[in-house]
PDB file of all heavy atoms in Angstrom:
ATOM      1  N   VAL A   1     -94.784  73.331 -19.026  1.00  0.00           N
ATOM      2  CA  VAL A   1     -95.581  74.184 -18.151  1.00  0.00           C
ATOM      3  C   VAL A   1     -94.978  74.201 -16.748  1.00  0.00           C
ATOM      4  O   VAL A   1     -94.861  75.252 -16.109  1.00  0.00           O
ATOM      5  CB  VAL A   1     -97.056  73.715 -18.126  1.00  0.00           C
ATOM      6  CG1 VAL A   1     -97.841  74.428 -17.042  1.00  0.00           C
ATOM      7  CG2 VAL A   1     -97.716  73.904 -19.467  1.00  0.00           C
ATOM      8  N   ILE A   2     -94.604  73.007 -16.236  1.00  0.00           N
ATOM      9  CA  ILE A   2     -94.019  72.913 -14.889  1.00  0.00           C
ATOM     10  C   ILE A   2     -92.715  73.713 -14.820  1.00  0.00           C
ATOM     11  O   ILE A   2     -92.480  74.492 -13.880  1.00  0.00           O
ATOM     12  CB  ILE A   2     -93.782  71.444 -14.498  1.00  0.00           C
ATOM     13  CG1 ILE A   2     -95.140  70.744 -14.275  1.00  0.00           C
ATOM     14  CG2 ILE A   2     -92.927  71.342 -13.231  1.00  0.00           C
ATOM     15  CD1 ILE A   2     -95.045  69.255 -14.041  1.00  0.00           C
ATOM     16  N   PHE A   3     -91.849  73.545 -15.822  1.00  0.00           N
ATOM     17  CA  PHE A   3     -90.567  74.257 -15.809  1.00  0.00           C
ATOM     18  C   PHE A   3     -90.756  75.758 -15.998  1.00  0.00           C
ATOM     19  O   PHE A   3     -90.007  76.562 -15.440  1.00  0.00           O
ATOM     20  CB  PHE A   3     -89.625  73.690 -16.869  1.00  0.00           C
ATOM     21  CG  PHE A   3     -89.036  72.355 -16.473  1.00  0.00           C
ATOM     22  CD1 PHE A   3     -89.161  71.254 -17.304  1.00  0.00           C
ATOM     23  CD2 PHE A   3     -88.360  72.206 -15.272  1.00  0.00           C
ATOM     24  CE1 PHE A   3     -88.626  70.043 -16.961  1.00  0.00           C
ATOM     25  CE2 PHE A   3     -87.823  70.984 -14.922  1.00  0.00           C
ATOM     26  CZ  PHE A   3     -87.943  69.884 -15.751  1.00  0.00           C
ATOM     27  N   THR A   4     -91.769  76.154 -16.759  1.00  0.00           N
ATOM     28  CA  THR A   4     -92.053  77.575 -16.931  1.00  0.00           C
ATOM     29  C   THR A   4     -92.508  78.183 -15.608  1.00  0.00           C
ATOM     30  O   THR A   4     -92.072  79.288 -15.225  1.00  0.00           O
ATOM     31  CB  THR A   4     -93.133  77.779 -18.022  1.00  0.00           C
ATOM     32  OG1 THR A   4     -92.693  77.193 -19.234  1.00  0.00           O
ATOM     33  CG2 THR A   4     -93.418  79.245 -18.229  1.00  0.00           C
ATOM     34  N   ILE A   5     -93.378  77.498 -14.904  1.00  0.00           N
ATOM     35  CA  ILE A   5     -93.856  77.981 -13.605  1.00  0.00           C
ATOM     36  C   ILE A   5     -92.698  78.034 -12.601  1.00  0.00           C
ATOM     37  O   ILE A   5     -92.543  79.016 -11.856  1.00  0.00           O
ATOM     38  CB  ILE A   5     -95.008  77.098 -13.084  1.00  0.00           C
ATOM     39  CG1 ILE A   5     -96.232  77.279 -13.963  1.00  0.00           C
ATOM     40  CG2 ILE A   5     -95.338  77.431 -11.630  1.00  0.00           C
ATOM     41  CD1 ILE A   5     -97.346  76.306 -13.682  1.00  0.00           C
ATOM     42  N   MET A   6     -91.857  76.993 -12.577  1.00  0.00           N
ATOM     43  CA  MET A   6     -90.707  76.972 -11.664  1.00  0.00           C
ATOM     44  C   MET A   6     -89.731  78.107 -12.009  1.00  0.00           C
ATOM     45  O   MET A   6     -89.175  78.752 -11.113  1.00  0.00           O
ATOM     46  CB  MET A   6     -89.979  75.621 -11.729  1.00  0.00           C
ATOM     47  CG  MET A   6     -90.699  74.512 -11.002  1.00  0.00           C
ATOM     48  SD  MET A   6     -89.903  72.892 -11.115  1.00  0.00           S
ATOM     49  CE  MET A   6     -88.216  73.229 -10.794  1.00  0.00           C
ATOM     50  N   GLY A   7     -89.506  78.370 -13.288  1.00  0.00           N
ATOM     51  CA  GLY A   7     -88.616  79.445 -13.719  1.00  0.00           C
ATOM     52  C   GLY A   7     -89.132  80.797 -13.269  1.00  0.00           C
ATOM     53  O   GLY A   7     -88.366  81.637 -12.789  1.00  0.00           O
ATOM     54  N   ALA A   8     -90.440  81.031 -13.422  1.00  0.00           N
ATOM     55  CA  ALA A   8     -91.022  82.306 -12.997  1.00  0.00           C
ATOM     56  C   ALA A   8     -90.916  82.461 -11.478  1.00  0.00           C
ATOM     57  O   ALA A   8     -90.575  83.532 -10.970  1.00  0.00           O
ATOM     58  CB  ALA A   8     -92.474  82.387 -13.436  1.00  0.00           C
ATOM     59  N   PHE A   9     -91.216  81.367 -10.753  1.00  0.00           N
ATOM     60  CA  PHE A   9     -91.129  81.413  -9.296  1.00  0.00           C
ATOM     61  C   PHE A   9     -89.695  81.702  -8.839  1.00  0.00           C
ATOM     62  O   PHE A   9     -89.461  82.544  -7.973  1.00  0.00           O
ATOM     63  CB  PHE A   9     -91.617  80.094  -8.690  1.00  0.00           C
ATOM     64  CG  PHE A   9     -91.411  80.015  -7.211  1.00  0.00           C
ATOM     65  CD1 PHE A   9     -92.211  80.734  -6.340  1.00  0.00           C
ATOM     66  CD2 PHE A   9     -90.391  79.228  -6.679  1.00  0.00           C
ATOM     67  CE1 PHE A   9     -92.011  80.667  -4.979  1.00  0.00           C
ATOM     68  CE2 PHE A   9     -90.181  79.163  -5.324  1.00  0.00           C
ATOM     69  CZ  PHE A   9     -90.995  79.877  -4.466  1.00  0.00           C
ATOM     70  N   LEU A  10     -88.722  80.994  -9.412  1.00  0.00           N
ATOM     71  CA  LEU A  10     -87.327  81.200  -9.041  1.00  0.00           C
ATOM     72  C   LEU A  10     -86.851  82.601  -9.414  1.00  0.00           C
ATOM     73  O   LEU A  10     -86.073  83.214  -8.689  1.00  0.00           O
ATOM     74  CB  LEU A  10     -86.437  80.146  -9.688  1.00  0.00           C
ATOM     75  CG  LEU A  10     -86.578  78.727  -9.128  1.00  0.00           C
ATOM     76  CD1 LEU A  10     -85.726  77.756  -9.924  1.00  0.00           C
ATOM     77  CD2 LEU A  10     -86.179  78.694  -7.659  1.00  0.00           C
ATOM     78  N   SER A  11     -87.336  83.118 -10.526  1.00  0.00           N
ATOM     79  CA  SER A  11     -86.956  84.472 -10.937  1.00  0.00           C
ATOM     80  C   SER A  11     -87.451  85.492  -9.926  1.00  0.00           C
ATOM     81  O   SER A  11     -86.701  86.384  -9.511  1.00  0.00           O
ATOM     82  CB  SER A  11     -87.538  84.776 -12.313  1.00  0.00           C
ATOM     83  OG  SER A  11     -87.280  86.107 -12.668  1.00  0.00           O
ATOM     84  N   VAL A  12     -88.690  85.378  -9.508  1.00  0.00           N
ATOM     85  CA  VAL A  12     -89.248  86.295  -8.510  1.00  0.00           C
ATOM     86  C   VAL A  12     -88.532  86.127  -7.168  1.00  0.00           C
ATOM     87  O   VAL A  12     -88.165  87.106  -6.506  1.00  0.00           O
ATOM     88  CB  VAL A  12     -90.770  86.077  -8.354  1.00  0.00           C
ATOM     89  CG1 VAL A  12     -91.320  86.853  -7.167  1.00  0.00           C
ATOM     90  CG2 VAL A  12     -91.490  86.469  -9.631  1.00  0.00           C
ATOM     91  N   ALA A  13     -88.319  84.878  -6.761  1.00  0.00           N
ATOM     92  CA  ALA A  13     -87.666  84.612  -5.467  1.00  0.00           C
ATOM     93  C   ALA A  13     -86.247  85.176  -5.453  1.00  0.00           C
ATOM     94  O   ALA A  13     -85.833  85.825  -4.482  1.00  0.00           O
ATOM     95  CB  ALA A  13     -87.659  83.116  -5.183  1.00  0.00           C
ATOM     96  N   LEU A  14     -85.493  84.937  -6.513  1.00  0.00           N
ATOM     97  CA  LEU A  14     -84.117  85.442  -6.559  1.00  0.00           C
ATOM     98  C   LEU A  14     -84.083  86.958  -6.624  1.00  0.00           C
ATOM     99  O   LEU A  14     -83.199  87.592  -6.039  1.00  0.00           O
ATOM    100  CB  LEU A  14     -83.363  84.834  -7.739  1.00  0.00           C
ATOM    101  CG  LEU A  14     -83.009  83.347  -7.592  1.00  0.00           C
ATOM    102  CD1 LEU A  14     -82.359  82.836  -8.852  1.00  0.00           C
ATOM    103  CD2 LEU A  14     -82.105  83.123  -6.404  1.00  0.00           C
ATOM    104  N   THR A  15     -85.028  87.580  -7.298  1.00  0.00           N
ATOM    105  CA  THR A  15     -85.094  89.035  -7.350  1.00  0.00           C
ATOM    106  C   THR A  15     -85.324  89.604  -5.947  1.00  0.00           C
ATOM    107  O   THR A  15     -84.673  90.586  -5.543  1.00  0.00           O
ATOM    108  CB  THR A  15     -86.215  89.499  -8.297  1.00  0.00           C
ATOM    109  OG1 THR A  15     -85.956  88.979  -9.594  1.00  0.00           O
ATOM    110  CG2 THR A  15     -86.286  91.004  -8.368  1.00  0.00           C
ATOM    111  N   VAL A  16     -86.227  89.015  -5.200  1.00  0.00           N
ATOM    112  CA  VAL A  16     -86.495  89.464  -3.836  1.00  0.00           C
ATOM    113  C   VAL A  16     -85.244  89.298  -2.965  1.00  0.00           C
ATOM    114  O   VAL A  16     -84.877  90.191  -2.194  1.00  0.00           O
ATOM    115  CB  VAL A  16     -87.693  88.686  -3.241  1.00  0.00           C
ATOM    116  CG1 VAL A  16     -87.830  88.953  -1.736  1.00  0.00           C
ATOM    117  CG2 VAL A  16     -88.982  89.064  -3.954  1.00  0.00           C
ATOM    118  N   ILE A  17     -84.582  88.165  -3.106  1.00  0.00           N
ATOM    119  CA  ILE A  17     -83.376  87.913  -2.309  1.00  0.00           C
ATOM    120  C   ILE A  17     -82.289  88.927  -2.652  1.00  0.00           C
ATOM    121  O   ILE A  17     -81.635  89.491  -1.769  1.00  0.00           O
ATOM    122  CB  ILE A  17     -82.887  86.469  -2.520  1.00  0.00           C
ATOM    123  CG1 ILE A  17     -83.851  85.492  -1.851  1.00  0.00           C
ATOM    124  CG2 ILE A  17     -81.474  86.284  -1.964  1.00  0.00           C
ATOM    125  CD1 ILE A  17     -83.582  84.045  -2.159  1.00  0.00           C
ATOM    126  N   PHE A  18     -82.075  89.180  -3.946  1.00  0.00           N
ATOM    127  CA  PHE A  18     -81.037  90.125  -4.351  1.00  0.00           C
ATOM    128  C   PHE A  18     -81.356  91.549  -3.912  1.00  0.00           C
ATOM    129  O   PHE A  18     -80.456  92.300  -3.520  1.00  0.00           O
ATOM    130  CB  PHE A  18     -80.809  90.081  -5.866  1.00  0.00           C
ATOM    131  CG  PHE A  18     -80.128  88.818  -6.317  1.00  0.00           C
ATOM    132  CD1 PHE A  18     -80.428  88.260  -7.550  1.00  0.00           C
ATOM    133  CD2 PHE A  18     -79.182  88.179  -5.533  1.00  0.00           C
ATOM    134  CE1 PHE A  18     -79.812  87.112  -7.982  1.00  0.00           C
ATOM    135  CE2 PHE A  18     -78.558  87.029  -5.953  1.00  0.00           C
ATOM    136  CZ  PHE A  18     -78.868  86.492  -7.186  1.00  0.00           C
ATOM    137  N   VAL A  19     -82.621  91.926  -3.936  1.00  0.00           N
ATOM    138  CA  VAL A  19     -83.008  93.265  -3.484  1.00  0.00           C
ATOM    139  C   VAL A  19     -82.739  93.397  -1.982  1.00  0.00           C
ATOM    140  O   VAL A  19     -82.212  94.414  -1.519  1.00  0.00           O
ATOM    141  CB  VAL A  19     -84.485  93.561  -3.826  1.00  0.00           C
ATOM    142  CG1 VAL A  19     -84.975  94.795  -3.090  1.00  0.00           C
ATOM    143  CG2 VAL A  19     -84.647  93.733  -5.326  1.00  0.00           C
ATOM    144  N   GLN A  20     -83.106  92.387  -1.211  1.00  0.00           N
ATOM    145  CA  GLN A  20     -82.851  92.417   0.223  1.00  0.00           C
ATOM    146  C   GLN A  20     -81.346  92.468   0.512  1.00  0.00           C
ATOM    147  O   GLN A  20     -80.892  93.209   1.383  1.00  0.00           O
ATOM    148  CB  GLN A  20     -83.473  91.211   0.911  1.00  0.00           C
ATOM    149  CG  GLN A  20     -84.973  91.278   1.006  1.00  0.00           C
ATOM    150  CD  GLN A  20     -85.565  90.035   1.633  1.00  0.00           C
ATOM    151  OE1 GLN A  20     -84.877  89.046   1.860  1.00  0.00           O
ATOM    152  NE2 GLN A  20     -86.864  90.081   1.909  1.00  0.00           N
ATOM    153  N   ASN A  21     -80.579  91.677  -0.223  1.00  0.00           N
ATOM    154  CA  ASN A  21     -79.124  91.692  -0.034  1.00  0.00           C
ATOM    155  C   ASN A  21     -78.541  93.055  -0.387  1.00  0.00           C
ATOM    156  O   ASN A  21     -77.626  93.530   0.273  1.00  0.00           O
ATOM    157  CB  ASN A  21     -78.455  90.603  -0.875  1.00  0.00           C
ATOM    158  CG  ASN A  21     -78.650  89.225  -0.273  1.00  0.00           C
ATOM    159  OD1 ASN A  21     -79.030  89.103   0.880  1.00  0.00           O
ATOM    160  ND2 ASN A  21     -78.396  88.203  -1.058  1.00  0.00           N
ATOM    161  N   GLY A  22     -79.071  93.676  -1.433  1.00  0.00           N
ATOM    162  CA  GLY A  22     -78.600  95.008  -1.808  1.00  0.00           C
ATOM    163  C   GLY A  22     -78.866  96.022  -0.711  1.00  0.00           C
ATOM    164  O   GLY A  22     -78.019  96.871  -0.411  1.00  0.00           O
ATOM    165  N   ARG A  23     -80.033  95.943  -0.097  1.00  0.00           N
ATOM    166  CA  ARG A  23     -80.351  96.856   1.013  1.00  0.00           C
ATOM    167  C   ARG A  23     -79.417  96.618   2.186  1.00  0.00           C
ATOM    168  O   ARG A  23     -78.933  97.570   2.804  1.00  0.00           O
ATOM    169  CB  ARG A  23     -81.800  96.649   1.466  1.00  0.00           C
ATOM    170  CG  ARG A  23     -82.824  97.175   0.503  1.00  0.00           C
ATOM    171  CD  ARG A  23     -84.227  96.991   1.054  1.00  0.00           C
ATOM    172  NE  ARG A  23     -85.208  97.151  -0.004  1.00  0.00           N
ATOM    173  CZ  ARG A  23     -86.345  96.494  -0.086  1.00  0.00           C
ATOM    174  NH1 ARG A  23     -86.660  95.617   0.852  1.00  0.00           N
ATOM    175  NH2 ARG A  23     -87.178  96.701  -1.069  1.00  0.00           N
ATOM    176  N   GLN A  24     -79.201  95.353   2.489  1.00  0.00           N
ATOM    177  CA  GLN A  24     -78.315  95.026   3.602  1.00  0.00           C
ATOM    178  C   GLN A  24     -76.884  95.494   3.339  1.00  0.00           C
ATOM    179  O   GLN A  24     -76.216  96.020   4.227  1.00  0.00           O
ATOM    180  CB  GLN A  24     -78.322  93.510   3.884  1.00  0.00           C
ATOM    181  CG  GLN A  24     -79.631  92.989   4.421  1.00  0.00           C
ATOM    182  CD  GLN A  24     -79.980  93.601   5.756  1.00  0.00           C
ATOM    183  OE1 GLN A  24     -79.117  93.807   6.595  1.00  0.00           O
ATOM    184  NE2 GLN A  24     -81.250  93.914   5.964  1.00  0.00           N
ATOM    185  N   ILE A  25     -76.419  95.328   2.112  1.00  0.00           N
ATOM    186  CA  ILE A  25     -75.062  95.769   1.759  1.00  0.00           C
ATOM    187  C   ILE A  25     -74.964  97.288   1.854  1.00  0.00           C
ATOM    188  O   ILE A  25     -73.974  97.831   2.354  1.00  0.00           O
ATOM    189  CB  ILE A  25     -74.679  95.259   0.359  1.00  0.00           C
ATOM    190  CG1 ILE A  25     -74.482  93.741   0.414  1.00  0.00           C
ATOM    191  CG2 ILE A  25     -73.431  95.947  -0.161  1.00  0.00           C
ATOM    192  CD1 ILE A  25     -74.285  93.094  -0.939  1.00  0.00           C
ATOM    193  N   LYS A  26     -75.997  97.989   1.400  1.00  0.00           N
ATOM    194  CA  LYS A  26     -76.001  99.442   1.487  1.00  0.00           C
ATOM    195  C   LYS A  26     -75.987  99.899   2.942  1.00  0.00           C
ATOM    196  O   LYS A  26     -75.240 100.806   3.322  1.00  0.00           O
ATOM    197  CB  LYS A  26     -77.226 100.012   0.766  1.00  0.00           C
ATOM    198  CG  LYS A  26     -77.252 101.515   0.706  1.00  0.00           C
ATOM    199  CD  LYS A  26     -78.452 102.002  -0.071  1.00  0.00           C
ATOM    200  CE  LYS A  26     -78.490 103.513  -0.125  1.00  0.00           C
ATOM    201  NZ  LYS A  26     -79.647 104.008  -0.861  1.00  0.00           N
ATOM    202  N   GLN A  27     -76.804  99.262   3.787  1.00  0.00           N
ATOM    203  CA  GLN A  27     -76.848  99.599   5.203  1.00  0.00           C
ATOM    204  C   GLN A  27     -75.509  99.285   5.860  1.00  0.00           C
ATOM    205  O   GLN A  27     -75.017 100.063   6.674  1.00  0.00           O
ATOM    206  CB  GLN A  27     -77.969  98.822   5.891  1.00  0.00           C
ATOM    207  CG  GLN A  27     -78.118  99.160   7.363  1.00  0.00           C
ATOM    208  CD  GLN A  27     -79.222  98.354   8.024  1.00  0.00           C
ATOM    209  OE1 GLN A  27     -79.827  97.482   7.395  1.00  0.00           O
ATOM    210  NE2 GLN A  27     -79.460  98.613   9.283  1.00  0.00           N
ATOM    211  N   LEU A  28     -74.921  98.173   5.502  1.00  0.00           N
ATOM    212  CA  LEU A  28     -73.617  97.806   6.059  1.00  0.00           C
ATOM    213  C   LEU A  28     -72.555  98.828   5.663  1.00  0.00           C
ATOM    214  O   LEU A  28     -71.699  99.189   6.472  1.00  0.00           O
ATOM    215  CB  LEU A  28     -73.219  96.405   5.589  1.00  0.00           C
ATOM    216  CG  LEU A  28     -71.903  95.849   6.121  1.00  0.00           C
ATOM    217  CD1 LEU A  28     -71.984  95.675   7.626  1.00  0.00           C
ATOM    218  CD2 LEU A  28     -71.585  94.535   5.443  1.00  0.00           C
ATOM    219  N   GLY A  29     -72.633  99.315   4.431  1.00  0.00           N
ATOM    220  CA  GLY A  29     -71.681 100.333   3.982  1.00  0.00           C
ATOM    221  C   GLY A  29     -71.787 101.615   4.775  1.00  0.00           C
ATOM    222  O   GLY A  29     -70.769 102.209   5.161  1.00  0.00           O
ATOM    223  N   THR A  30     -73.012 102.061   5.049  1.00  0.00           N
ATOM    224  CA  THR A  30     -73.176 103.286   5.837  1.00  0.00           C
ATOM    225  C   THR A  30     -72.712 103.071   7.277  1.00  0.00           C
ATOM    226  O   THR A  30     -72.119 103.970   7.880  1.00  0.00           O
ATOM    227  CB  THR A  30     -74.633 103.763   5.824  1.00  0.00           C
ATOM    228  OG1 THR A  30     -75.479 102.726   6.317  1.00  0.00           O
ATOM    229  CG2 THR A  30     -75.057 104.163   4.429  1.00  0.00           C
ATOM    230  N   GLU A  31     -72.965 101.890   7.833  1.00  0.00           N
ATOM    231  CA  GLU A  31     -72.512 101.596   9.194  1.00  0.00           C
ATOM    232  C   GLU A  31     -70.990 101.549   9.267  1.00  0.00           C
ATOM    233  O   GLU A  31     -70.388 102.041  10.224  1.00  0.00           O
ATOM    234  CB  GLU A  31     -73.111 100.279   9.681  1.00  0.00           C
ATOM    235  CG  GLU A  31     -74.604 100.363   9.945  1.00  0.00           C
ATOM    236  CD  GLU A  31     -75.218  99.022  10.300  1.00  0.00           C
ATOM    237  OE1 GLU A  31     -74.483  98.012  10.325  1.00  0.00           O
ATOM    238  OE2 GLU A  31     -76.424  98.979  10.544  1.00  0.00           O
ATOM    239  N   MET A  32     -70.358 100.986   8.262  1.00  0.00           N
ATOM    240  CA  MET A  32     -68.900 100.935   8.242  1.00  0.00           C
ATOM    241  C   MET A  32     -68.312 102.341   8.109  1.00  0.00           C
ATOM    242  O   MET A  32     -67.293 102.657   8.720  1.00  0.00           O
ATOM    243  CB  MET A  32     -68.409 100.053   7.083  1.00  0.00           C
ATOM    244  CG  MET A  32     -68.721  98.573   7.267  1.00  0.00           C
ATOM    245  SD  MET A  32     -67.928  97.880   8.720  1.00  0.00           S
ATOM    246  CE  MET A  32     -66.262  97.818   8.158  1.00  0.00           C
TER     247      MET A  32
END
């Protein structure tokens, strides 16, 4: 149960981080 909860939390956290990084990379591309 603990590992399942940690896996779900990490999955959501990493998804948010990757989405933010994708936006930043896209913005950086337009600025360049």
